[in-house]
C-alpha atoms as a PDB file:
ATOM      1  CA  MET A   1      80.560  80.203 106.885  1.00  0.00           C
ATOM      2  CA  ILE A   2      79.281  83.719 106.224  1.00  0.00           C
ATOM      3  CA  TRP A   3      82.487  85.370 107.793  1.00  0.00           C
ATOM      4  CA  SER A   4      84.524  82.872 105.341  1.00  0.00           C
ATOM      5  CA  ILE A   5      82.539  84.364 102.572  1.00  0.00           C
ATOM      6  CA  ILE A   6      83.352  87.860 103.524  1.00  0.00           C
ATOM      7  CA  GLY A   7      86.767  87.105 104.109  1.00  0.00           C
ATOM      8  CA  ILE A   8      87.028  85.448 100.638  1.00  0.00           C
ATOM      9  CA  SER A   9      85.303  88.318  98.735  1.00  0.00           C
ATOM     10  CA  ALA A  10      87.270  90.966 100.615  1.00  0.00           C
ATOM     11  CA  ALA A  11      90.625  88.915  99.530  1.00  0.00           C
ATOM     12  CA  VAL A  12      89.242  88.705  95.925  1.00  0.00           C
ATOM     13  CA  LEU A  13      88.653  92.350  95.773  1.00  0.00           C
ATOM     14  CA  THR A  14      92.108  93.299  97.187  1.00  0.00           C
ATOM     15  CA  MET A  15      94.204  91.110  95.080  1.00  0.00           C
ATOM     16  CA  PHE A  16      92.761  92.239  91.988  1.00  0.00           C
ATOM     17  CA  SER A  17      92.726  96.157  93.117  1.00  0.00           C
ATOM     18  CA  PHE A  18      95.470  97.051  91.201  1.00  0.00           C
ATOM     19  CA  VAL A  19      95.130  94.820  87.958  1.00  0.00           C
ATOM     20  CA  PRO A  20      93.275  98.065  86.397  1.00  0.00           C
ATOM     21  CA  GLN A  21      96.297 100.218  87.110  1.00  0.00           C
ATOM     22  CA  VAL A  22      98.817  97.839  85.769  1.00  0.00           C
ATOM     23  CA  VAL A  23      96.864  97.334  82.521  1.00  0.00           C
ATOM     24  CA  LYS A  24      96.194 100.996  82.252  1.00  0.00           C
ATOM     25  CA  ILE A  25     100.168 101.299  82.504  1.00  0.00           C
ATOM     26  CA  LEU A  26     100.728  98.697  79.987  1.00  0.00           C
ATOM     27  CA  ARG A  27      98.364 100.094  77.497  1.00  0.00           C
ATOM     28  CA  THR A  28      99.589 103.677  77.851  1.00  0.00           C
ATOM     29  CA  LYS A  29     102.923 103.131  78.312  1.00  0.00           C
ATOM     30  CA  ALA A  30     103.250 105.563  80.678  1.00  0.00           C
ATOM     31  CA  ALA A  31     103.270 106.062  84.422  1.00  0.00           C
ATOM     32  CA  SER A  32     103.393 109.518  84.932  1.00  0.00           C
ATOM     33  CA  ASN A  33      99.794 109.493  86.806  1.00  0.00           C
ATOM     34  CA  VAL A  34     101.111 106.824  89.106  1.00  0.00           C
ATOM     35  CA  SER A  35     102.200 107.699  92.469  1.00  0.00           C
ATOM     36  CA  LEU A  36     105.490 106.035  93.729  1.00  0.00           C
ATOM     37  CA  ILE A  37     104.882 106.843  97.149  1.00  0.00           C
ATOM     38  CA  THR A  38     101.264 105.323  97.000  1.00  0.00           C
ATOM     39  CA  LEU A  39     102.722 102.022  95.510  1.00  0.00           C
ATOM     40  CA  LEU A  40     105.435 101.863  97.998  1.00  0.00           C
ATOM     41  CA  GLN A  41     103.267 102.732 101.005  1.00  0.00           C
ATOM     42  CA  LEU A  42     100.704 100.208 100.021  1.00  0.00           C
ATOM     43  CA  SER A  43     103.358  97.349  99.570  1.00  0.00           C
ATOM     44  CA  CYS A  44     104.695  97.897 102.781  1.00  0.00           C
ATOM     45  CA  GLY A  45     101.041  97.853 104.136  1.00  0.00           C
ATOM     46  CA  VAL A  46     100.236  94.550 102.346  1.00  0.00           C
ATOM     47  CA  PHE A  47     103.482  92.979 103.364  1.00  0.00           C
ATOM     48  CA  LEU A  48     102.796  93.671 106.894  1.00  0.00           C
ATOM     49  CA  TRP A  49      99.379  91.999 106.555  1.00  0.00           C
ATOM     50  CA  MET A  50     100.837  89.046 105.040  1.00  0.00           C
ATOM     51  CA  LEU A  51     103.107  88.574 107.704  1.00  0.00           C
ATOM     52  CA  TYR A  52     100.367  89.066 110.274  1.00  0.00           C
ATOM     53  CA  GLY A  53      98.491  86.275 108.077  1.00  0.00           C
ATOM     54  CA  LEU A  54     101.170  83.915 108.202  1.00  0.00           C
ATOM     55  CA  HIS A  55     101.482  84.560 112.182  1.00  0.00           C
ATOM     56  CA  LEU A  56      97.535  83.410 112.395  1.00  0.00           C
ATOM     57  CA  ARG A  57      98.295  81.175 109.959  1.00  0.00           C
ATOM     58  CA  ASP A  58      95.326  82.266 107.845  1.00  0.00           C
ATOM     59  CA  ALA A  59      95.166  81.143 104.192  1.00  0.00           C
ATOM     60  CA  ILE A  60      92.871  83.912 103.012  1.00  0.00           C
ATOM     61  CA  ILE A  61      94.802  86.556 104.517  1.00  0.00           C
ATOM     62  CA  ILE A  62      98.284  85.229 103.334  1.00  0.00           C
ATOM     63  CA  ILE A  63      97.004  84.184  99.627  1.00  0.00           C
ATOM     64  CA  ALA A  64      95.205  87.988  99.256  1.00  0.00           C
ATOM     65  CA  ASN A  65      98.282  89.785 100.602  1.00  0.00           C
ATOM     66  CA  GLY A  66     100.884  87.695  98.523  1.00  0.00           C
ATOM     67  CA  VAL A  67      98.879  88.130  95.380  1.00  0.00           C
ATOM     68  CA  THR A  68      98.537  91.818  96.063  1.00  0.00           C
ATOM     69  CA  LEU A  69     101.916  92.104  96.714  1.00  0.00           C
ATOM     70  CA  ILE A  70     103.034  90.665  93.721  1.00  0.00           C
ATOM     71  CA  THR A  71     100.551  92.988  91.514  1.00  0.00           C
ATOM     72  CA  LEU A  72     102.089  95.804  93.427  1.00  0.00           C
ATOM     73  CA  VAL A  73     105.580  95.111  92.956  1.00  0.00           C
ATOM     74  CA  TYR A  74     104.987  94.658  89.249  1.00  0.00           C
ATOM     75  CA  ALA A  75     103.408  98.140  89.098  1.00  0.00           C
ATOM     76  CA  ILE A  76     106.362  99.705  90.744  1.00  0.00           C
ATOM     77  CA  ILE A  77     108.558  97.777  88.449  1.00  0.00           C
ATOM     78  CA  LEU A  78     106.469  99.187  85.429  1.00  0.00           C
ATOM     79  CA  TYR A  79     106.793 102.639  87.075  1.00  0.00           C
ATOM     80  CA  PHE A  80     110.123 102.928  86.800  1.00  0.00           C
ATOM     81  CA  HIS A  81     110.306 101.358  83.086  1.00  0.00           C
ATOM     82  CA  PHE A  82     107.710 103.744  81.683  1.00  0.00           C
ATOM     83  CA  ARG A  83     108.511 106.864  83.853  1.00  0.00           C
END
């Protein structure tokens, strides 16, 4: 039970970790302070974690990394839009 709570807490923190960056890009309409390499590297890592979660059939890993990947893809789109 405690490990599920830890896993869910980690998932929630991870899922929403890039939301402040996306909000900042939208507010300032600028992405000059955002590293594209960081966004791409993290997206690849999150995608691999999602695949690992699919392999394990672990819903927490799958959902957390799926939501995180969607947020990162949106951040990458905003990067190119406001660059």
